[in-house]
């Protein structure tokens, strides 16, 4: 399983404009990250708050990035 996750992370990181990958558990705790600790904690906290609020209001926000415009 770990090797599959590593391969997926490598594929994501290979995309233009991607600077890091963070995987959170259901409690919003980072369990894997390619970023430094401080940045990981900052993003994890912000994203967990947004997703928690989204679940409470029955919506999901998706951000789509166009790597060619970076």
PDB file of N, CA and C in Angstrom:
ATOM      1  N   UNK A   1       0.831  -1.203   0.000  1.00  0.00           N
ATOM      2  CA  UNK A   1       0.000   0.000   0.000  1.00  0.00           C
ATOM      3  C   UNK A   1       0.864   1.252   0.000  1.00  0.00           C
ATOM      4  N   UNK A   2       1.932   1.250   0.814  1.00  0.00           N
ATOM      5  CA  UNK A   2       2.785   2.433   0.895  1.00  0.00           C
ATOM      6  C   UNK A   2       3.418   2.746  -0.456  1.00  0.00           C
ATOM      7  N   UNK A   3       3.856   1.720  -1.172  1.00  0.00           N
ATOM      8  CA  UNK A   3       4.471   1.971  -2.479  1.00  0.00           C
ATOM      9  C   UNK A   3       3.471   2.543  -3.471  1.00  0.00           C
ATOM     10  N   UNK A   4       2.198   2.113  -3.384  1.00  0.00           N
ATOM     11  CA  UNK A   4       1.166   2.675  -4.259  1.00  0.00           C
ATOM     12  C   UNK A   4       0.966   4.156  -3.960  1.00  0.00           C
ATOM     13  N   UNK A   5       0.921   4.500  -2.685  1.00  0.00           N
ATOM     14  CA  UNK A   5       0.760   5.897  -2.284  1.00  0.00           C
ATOM     15  C   UNK A   5       1.960   6.709  -2.752  1.00  0.00           C
ATOM     16  N   UNK A   6       3.160   6.159  -2.591  1.00  0.00           N
ATOM     17  CA  UNK A   6       4.367   6.852  -3.042  1.00  0.00           C
ATOM     18  C   UNK A   6       4.324   7.120  -4.543  1.00  0.00           C
ATOM     19  N   UNK A   7       3.854   6.162  -5.310  1.00  0.00           N
ATOM     20  CA  UNK A   7       3.757   6.335  -6.758  1.00  0.00           C
ATOM     21  C   UNK A   7       2.738   7.417  -7.126  1.00  0.00           C
ATOM     22  N   UNK A   8       1.627   7.429  -6.440  1.00  0.00           N
ATOM     23  CA  UNK A   8       0.611   8.457  -6.701  1.00  0.00           C
ATOM     24  C   UNK A   8       1.154   9.836  -6.366  1.00  0.00           C
ATOM     25  N   UNK A   9       1.850   9.949  -5.244  1.00  0.00           N
ATOM     26  CA  UNK A   9       2.443  11.232  -4.850  1.00  0.00           C
ATOM     27  C   UNK A   9       3.460  11.682  -5.887  1.00  0.00           C
ATOM     28  N   UNK A  10       4.287  10.767  -6.367  1.00  0.00           N
ATOM     29  CA  UNK A  10       5.277  11.110  -7.407  1.00  0.00           C
ATOM     30  C   UNK A  10       4.595  11.631  -8.664  1.00  0.00           C
ATOM     31  N   UNK A  11       3.493  10.988  -9.062  1.00  0.00           N
ATOM     32  CA  UNK A  11       2.766  11.428 -10.262  1.00  0.00           C
ATOM     33  C   UNK A  11       2.182  12.822 -10.070  1.00  0.00           C
ATOM     34  N   UNK A  12       1.643  13.064  -8.890  1.00  0.00           N
ATOM     35  CA  UNK A  12       1.070  14.390  -8.612  1.00  0.00           C
ATOM     36  C   UNK A  12       2.170  15.444  -8.629  1.00  0.00           C
ATOM     37  N   UNK A  13       3.299  15.156  -7.985  1.00  0.00           N
ATOM     38  CA  UNK A  13       4.404  16.108  -7.912  1.00  0.00           C
ATOM     39  C   UNK A  13       5.016  16.408  -9.274  1.00  0.00           C
ATOM     40  N   UNK A  14       4.853  15.486 -10.217  1.00  0.00           N
ATOM     41  CA  UNK A  14       5.418  15.677 -11.555  1.00  0.00           C
ATOM     42  C   UNK A  14       4.647  16.707 -12.373  1.00  0.00           C
ATOM     43  N   UNK A  15       3.454  17.070 -11.927  1.00  0.00           N
ATOM     44  CA  UNK A  15       2.649  18.054 -12.655  1.00  0.00           C
ATOM     45  C   UNK A  15       3.180  19.458 -12.431  1.00  0.00           C
ATOM     46  N   UNK A  16       3.194  20.222 -13.499  1.00  0.00           N
ATOM     47  CA  UNK A  16       3.661  21.599 -13.442  1.00  0.00           C
ATOM     48  C   UNK A  16       2.819  22.403 -12.456  1.00  0.00           C
ATOM     49  N   UNK A  17       3.484  23.156 -11.625  1.00  0.00           N
ATOM     50  CA  UNK A  17       2.789  24.026 -10.686  1.00  0.00           C
ATOM     51  C   UNK A  17       2.528  23.409  -9.326  1.00  0.00           C
ATOM     52  N   UNK A  18       2.696  22.096  -9.196  1.00  0.00           N
ATOM     53  CA  UNK A  18       2.461  21.450  -7.906  1.00  0.00           C
ATOM     54  C   UNK A  18       3.691  21.642  -7.035  1.00  0.00           C
ATOM     55  N   UNK A  19       3.477  22.178  -5.836  1.00  0.00           N
ATOM     56  CA  UNK A  19       4.611  22.414  -4.937  1.00  0.00           C
ATOM     57  C   UNK A  19       4.653  21.439  -3.766  1.00  0.00           C
ATOM     58  N   UNK A  20       3.579  20.707  -3.561  1.00  0.00           N
ATOM     59  CA  UNK A  20       3.585  19.748  -2.465  1.00  0.00           C
ATOM     60  C   UNK A  20       2.296  18.971  -2.386  1.00  0.00           C
ATOM     61  N   UNK A  21       2.360  17.888  -1.621  1.00  0.00           N
ATOM     62  CA  UNK A  21       1.211  17.024  -1.401  1.00  0.00           C
ATOM     63  C   UNK A  21       1.099  16.771   0.093  1.00  0.00           C
ATOM     64  N   UNK A  22      -0.112  16.893   0.619  1.00  0.00           N
ATOM     65  CA  UNK A  22      -0.372  16.604   2.025  1.00  0.00           C
ATOM     66  C   UNK A  22      -1.552  15.652   2.084  1.00  0.00           C
ATOM     67  N   UNK A  23      -1.413  14.595   2.867  1.00  0.00           N
ATOM     68  CA  UNK A  23      -2.506  13.658   3.077  1.00  0.00           C
ATOM     69  C   UNK A  23      -2.930  13.776   4.537  1.00  0.00           C
ATOM     70  N   UNK A  24      -4.228  14.035   4.743  1.00  0.00           N
ATOM     71  CA  UNK A  24      -4.780  14.183   6.088  1.00  0.00           C
ATOM     72  C   UNK A  24      -5.663  12.990   6.423  1.00  0.00           C
ATOM     73  N   UNK A  25      -5.712  12.631   7.712  1.00  0.00           N
ATOM     74  CA  UNK A  25      -6.694  11.636   8.117  1.00  0.00           C
ATOM     75  C   UNK A  25      -8.034  12.343   8.326  1.00  0.00           C
ATOM     76  N   UNK A  26      -9.047  11.625   8.744  1.00  0.00           N
ATOM     77  CA  UNK A  26     -10.388  12.215   8.897  1.00  0.00           C
ATOM     78  C   UNK A  26     -10.460  13.273   9.977  1.00  0.00           C
ATOM     79  N   UNK A  27      -9.483  13.293  10.877  1.00  0.00           N
ATOM     80  CA  UNK A  27      -9.449  14.304  11.932  1.00  0.00           C
ATOM     81  C   UNK A  27      -8.660  15.543  11.519  1.00  0.00           C
ATOM     82  N   UNK A  28      -8.160  15.569  10.284  1.00  0.00           N
ATOM     83  CA  UNK A  28      -7.399  16.716   9.797  1.00  0.00           C
ATOM     84  C   UNK A  28      -5.941  16.687  10.192  1.00  0.00           C
ATOM     85  N   UNK A  29      -5.458  15.541  10.673  1.00  0.00           N
ATOM     86  CA  UNK A  29      -4.055  15.413  11.080  1.00  0.00           C
ATOM     87  C   UNK A  29      -3.242  14.929   9.892  1.00  0.00           C
ATOM     88  N   UNK A  30      -2.160  15.653   9.561  1.00  0.00           N
ATOM     89  CA  UNK A  30      -1.325  15.227   8.435  1.00  0.00           C
ATOM     90  C   UNK A  30      -0.660  13.883   8.729  1.00  0.00           C
ATOM     91  N   UNK A  31      -0.820  12.950   7.795  1.00  0.00           N
ATOM     92  CA  UNK A  31      -0.170  11.650   7.952  1.00  0.00           C
ATOM     93  C   UNK A  31       0.951  11.447   6.942  1.00  0.00           C
ATOM     94  N   UNK A  32       0.952  12.240   5.875  1.00  0.00           N
ATOM     95  CA  UNK A  32       2.044  12.242   4.893  1.00  0.00           C
ATOM     96  C   UNK A  32       2.147  13.639   4.315  1.00  0.00           C
ATOM     97  N   UNK A  33       3.371  14.074   4.052  1.00  0.00           N
ATOM     98  CA  UNK A  33       3.552  15.381   3.433  1.00  0.00           C
ATOM     99  C   UNK A  33       4.907  15.450   2.753  1.00  0.00           C
ATOM    100  N   UNK A  34       4.940  16.196   1.660  1.00  0.00           N
ATOM    101  CA  UNK A  34       6.210  16.457   0.978  1.00  0.00           C
ATOM    102  C   UNK A  34       6.717  17.862   1.317  1.00  0.00           C
ATOM    103  N   UNK A  35       5.997  18.562   2.173  1.00  0.00           N
ATOM    104  CA  UNK A  35       6.369  19.918   2.573  1.00  0.00           C
ATOM    105  C   UNK A  35       6.997  19.899   3.966  1.00  0.00           C
ATOM    106  N   UNK A  36       7.618  21.007   4.336  1.00  0.00           N
ATOM    107  CA  UNK A  36       8.201  21.097   5.671  1.00  0.00           C
ATOM    108  C   UNK A  36       7.085  21.107   6.721  1.00  0.00           C
ATOM    109  N   UNK A  37       7.456  20.828   7.962  1.00  0.00           N
ATOM    110  CA  UNK A  37       6.484  20.657   9.048  1.00  0.00           C
ATOM    111  C   UNK A  37       5.597  21.886   9.238  1.00  0.00           C
ATOM    112  N   UNK A  38       6.197  23.058   9.309  1.00  0.00           N
ATOM    113  CA  UNK A  38       5.427  24.278   9.557  1.00  0.00           C
ATOM    114  C   UNK A  38       4.413  24.537   8.454  1.00  0.00           C
ATOM    115  N   UNK A  39       4.828  24.407   7.221  1.00  0.00           N
ATOM    116  CA  UNK A  39       3.923  24.619   6.085  1.00  0.00           C
ATOM    117  C   UNK A  39       2.818  23.568   6.072  1.00  0.00           C
ATOM    118  N   UNK A  40       3.180  22.332   6.355  1.00  0.00           N
ATOM    119  CA  UNK A  40       2.199  21.247   6.399  1.00  0.00           C
ATOM    120  C   UNK A  40       1.123  21.529   7.431  1.00  0.00           C
ATOM    121  N   UNK A  41       1.532  21.917   8.633  1.00  0.00           N
ATOM    122  CA  UNK A  41       0.577  22.189   9.709  1.00  0.00           C
ATOM    123  C   UNK A  41      -0.327  23.360   9.338  1.00  0.00           C
ATOM    124  N   UNK A  42       0.245  24.383   8.730  1.00  0.00           N
ATOM    125  CA  UNK A  42      -0.545  25.555   8.337  1.00  0.00           C
ATOM    126  C   UNK A  42      -1.602  25.172   7.306  1.00  0.00           C
ATOM    127  N   UNK A  43      -1.199  24.500   6.241  1.00  0.00           N
ATOM    128  CA  UNK A  43      -2.155  24.083   5.214  1.00  0.00           C
ATOM    129  C   UNK A  43      -3.187  23.122   5.785  1.00  0.00           C
ATOM    130  N   UNK A  44      -2.743  22.175   6.572  1.00  0.00           N
ATOM    131  CA  UNK A  44      -3.659  21.172   7.131  1.00  0.00           C
ATOM    132  C   UNK A  44      -4.744  21.840   7.971  1.00  0.00           C
ATOM    133  N   UNK A  45      -4.363  22.780   8.807  1.00  0.00           N
ATOM    134  CA  UNK A  45      -5.335  23.482   9.632  1.00  0.00           C
ATOM    135  C   UNK A  45      -6.344  24.243   8.801  1.00  0.00           C
ATOM    136  N   UNK A  46      -5.854  24.965   7.805  1.00  0.00           N
ATOM    137  CA  UNK A  46      -6.752  25.746   6.941  1.00  0.00           C
ATOM    138  C   UNK A  46      -7.698  24.856   6.142  1.00  0.00           C
ATOM    139  N   UNK A  47      -7.166  23.828   5.551  1.00  0.00           N
ATOM    140  CA  UNK A  47      -7.977  22.944   4.722  1.00  0.00           C
ATOM    141  C   UNK A  47      -8.979  22.171   5.561  1.00  0.00           C
ATOM    142  N   UNK A  48      -8.554  21.714   6.727  1.00  0.00           N
ATOM    143  CA  UNK A  48      -9.470  20.959   7.582  1.00  0.00           C
ATOM    144  C   UNK A  48     -10.652  21.837   7.997  1.00  0.00           C
ATOM    145  N   UNK A  49     -10.382  23.086   8.328  1.00  0.00           N
ATOM    146  CA  UNK A  49     -11.471  24.011   8.679  1.00  0.00           C
ATOM    147  C   UNK A  49     -12.456  24.175   7.518  1.00  0.00           C
ATOM    148  N   UNK A  50     -11.931  24.362   6.328  1.00  0.00           N
ATOM    149  CA  UNK A  50     -12.787  24.557   5.150  1.00  0.00           C
ATOM    150  C   UNK A  50     -13.613  23.303   4.863  1.00  0.00           C
ATOM    151  N   UNK A  51     -12.977  22.142   4.895  1.00  0.00           N
ATOM    152  CA  UNK A  51     -13.716  20.920   4.586  1.00  0.00           C
ATOM    153  C   UNK A  51     -14.744  20.600   5.663  1.00  0.00           C
ATOM    154  N   UNK A  52     -14.411  20.886   6.911  1.00  0.00           N
ATOM    155  CA  UNK A  52     -15.369  20.657   7.993  1.00  0.00           C
ATOM    156  C   UNK A  52     -16.597  21.556   7.814  1.00  0.00           C
ATOM    157  N   UNK A  53     -16.361  22.819   7.487  1.00  0.00           N
ATOM    158  CA  UNK A  53     -17.472  23.745   7.246  1.00  0.00           C
ATOM    159  C   UNK A  53     -18.283  23.301   6.035  1.00  0.00           C
ATOM    160  N   UNK A  54     -17.591  22.814   5.026  1.00  0.00           N
ATOM    161  CA  UNK A  54     -18.283  22.334   3.828  1.00  0.00           C
ATOM    162  C   UNK A  54     -19.185  21.157   4.125  1.00  0.00           C
ATOM    163  N   UNK A  55     -18.719  20.237   4.937  1.00  0.00           N
ATOM    164  CA  UNK A  55     -19.541  19.089   5.307  1.00  0.00           C
ATOM    165  C   UNK A  55     -20.767  19.529   6.103  1.00  0.00           C
ATOM    166  N   UNK A  56     -20.602  20.549   6.937  1.00  0.00           N
ATOM    167  CA  UNK A  56     -21.724  21.038   7.738  1.00  0.00           C
ATOM    168  C   UNK A  56     -22.781  21.719   6.877  1.00  0.00           C
ATOM    169  N   UNK A  57     -22.388  22.258   5.720  1.00  0.00           N
ATOM    170  CA  UNK A  57     -23.339  22.981   4.860  1.00  0.00           C
ATOM    171  C   UNK A  57     -23.635  22.207   3.592  1.00  0.00           C
ATOM    172  N   UNK A  58     -23.320  20.935   3.579  1.00  0.00           N
ATOM    173  CA  UNK A  58     -23.643  20.055   2.453  1.00  0.00           C
ATOM    174  C   UNK A  58     -23.092  20.525   1.112  1.00  0.00           C
ATOM    175  N   UNK A  59     -21.889  20.977   1.089  1.00  0.00           N
ATOM    176  CA  UNK A  59     -21.254  21.288  -0.184  1.00  0.00           C
ATOM    177  C   UNK A  59     -19.787  20.904  -0.132  1.00  0.00           C
ATOM    178  N   UNK A  60     -19.214  20.767  -1.300  1.00  0.00           N
ATOM    179  CA  UNK A  60     -17.791  20.471  -1.438  1.00  0.00           C
ATOM    180  C   UNK A  60     -17.206  21.489  -2.388  1.00  0.00           C
ATOM    181  N   UNK A  61     -16.067  22.029  -2.044  1.00  0.00           N
ATOM    182  CA  UNK A  61     -15.392  22.977  -2.913  1.00  0.00           C
ATOM    183  C   UNK A  61     -14.248  22.257  -3.614  1.00  0.00           C
ATOM    184  N   UNK A  62     -14.157  22.438  -4.917  1.00  0.00           N
ATOM    185  CA  UNK A  62     -13.081  21.855  -5.703  1.00  0.00           C
ATOM    186  C   UNK A  62     -12.348  22.992  -6.395  1.00  0.00           C
ATOM    187  N   UNK A  63     -11.049  22.991  -6.289  1.00  0.00           N
ATOM    188  CA  UNK A  63     -10.221  23.987  -6.968  1.00  0.00           C
ATOM    189  C   UNK A  63      -9.516  23.278  -8.107  1.00  0.00           C
ATOM    190  N   UNK A  64      -9.661  23.799  -9.307  1.00  0.00           N
ATOM    191  CA  UNK A  64      -9.028  23.231 -10.484  1.00  0.00           C
ATOM    192  C   UNK A  64      -7.903  24.148 -10.925  1.00  0.00           C
ATOM    193  N   UNK A  65      -6.741  23.584 -11.095  1.00  0.00           N
ATOM    194  CA  UNK A  65      -5.555  24.354 -11.457  1.00  0.00           C
ATOM    195  C   UNK A  65      -5.206  24.097 -12.909  1.00  0.00           C
ATOM    196  N   UNK A  66      -4.883  25.165 -13.633  1.00  0.00           N
ATOM    197  CA  UNK A  66      -4.399  25.031 -14.992  1.00  0.00           C
ATOM    198  C   UNK A  66      -2.889  25.254 -14.967  1.00  0.00           C
ATOM    199  N   UNK A  67      -2.114  24.178 -14.988  1.00  0.00           N
ATOM    200  CA  UNK A  67      -0.664  24.321 -14.866  1.00  0.00           C
ATOM    201  C   UNK A  67      -0.029  25.162 -15.967  1.00  0.00           C
ATOM    202  N   UNK A  68      -0.668  25.240 -17.129  1.00  0.00           N
ATOM    203  CA  UNK A  68      -0.066  26.014 -18.224  1.00  0.00           C
ATOM    204  C   UNK A  68      -0.158  27.507 -18.011  1.00  0.00           C
ATOM    205  N   UNK A  69      -0.969  27.930 -17.057  1.00  0.00           N
ATOM    206  CA  UNK A  69      -1.121  29.361 -16.790  1.00  0.00           C
ATOM    207  C   UNK A  69      -0.349  29.823 -15.564  1.00  0.00           C
ATOM    208  N   UNK A  70       0.519  29.000 -15.062  1.00  0.00           N
ATOM    209  CA  UNK A  70       1.299  29.384 -13.882  1.00  0.00           C
ATOM    210  C   UNK A  70       2.539  30.149 -14.265  1.00  0.00           C
TER     211      UNK A  70
END
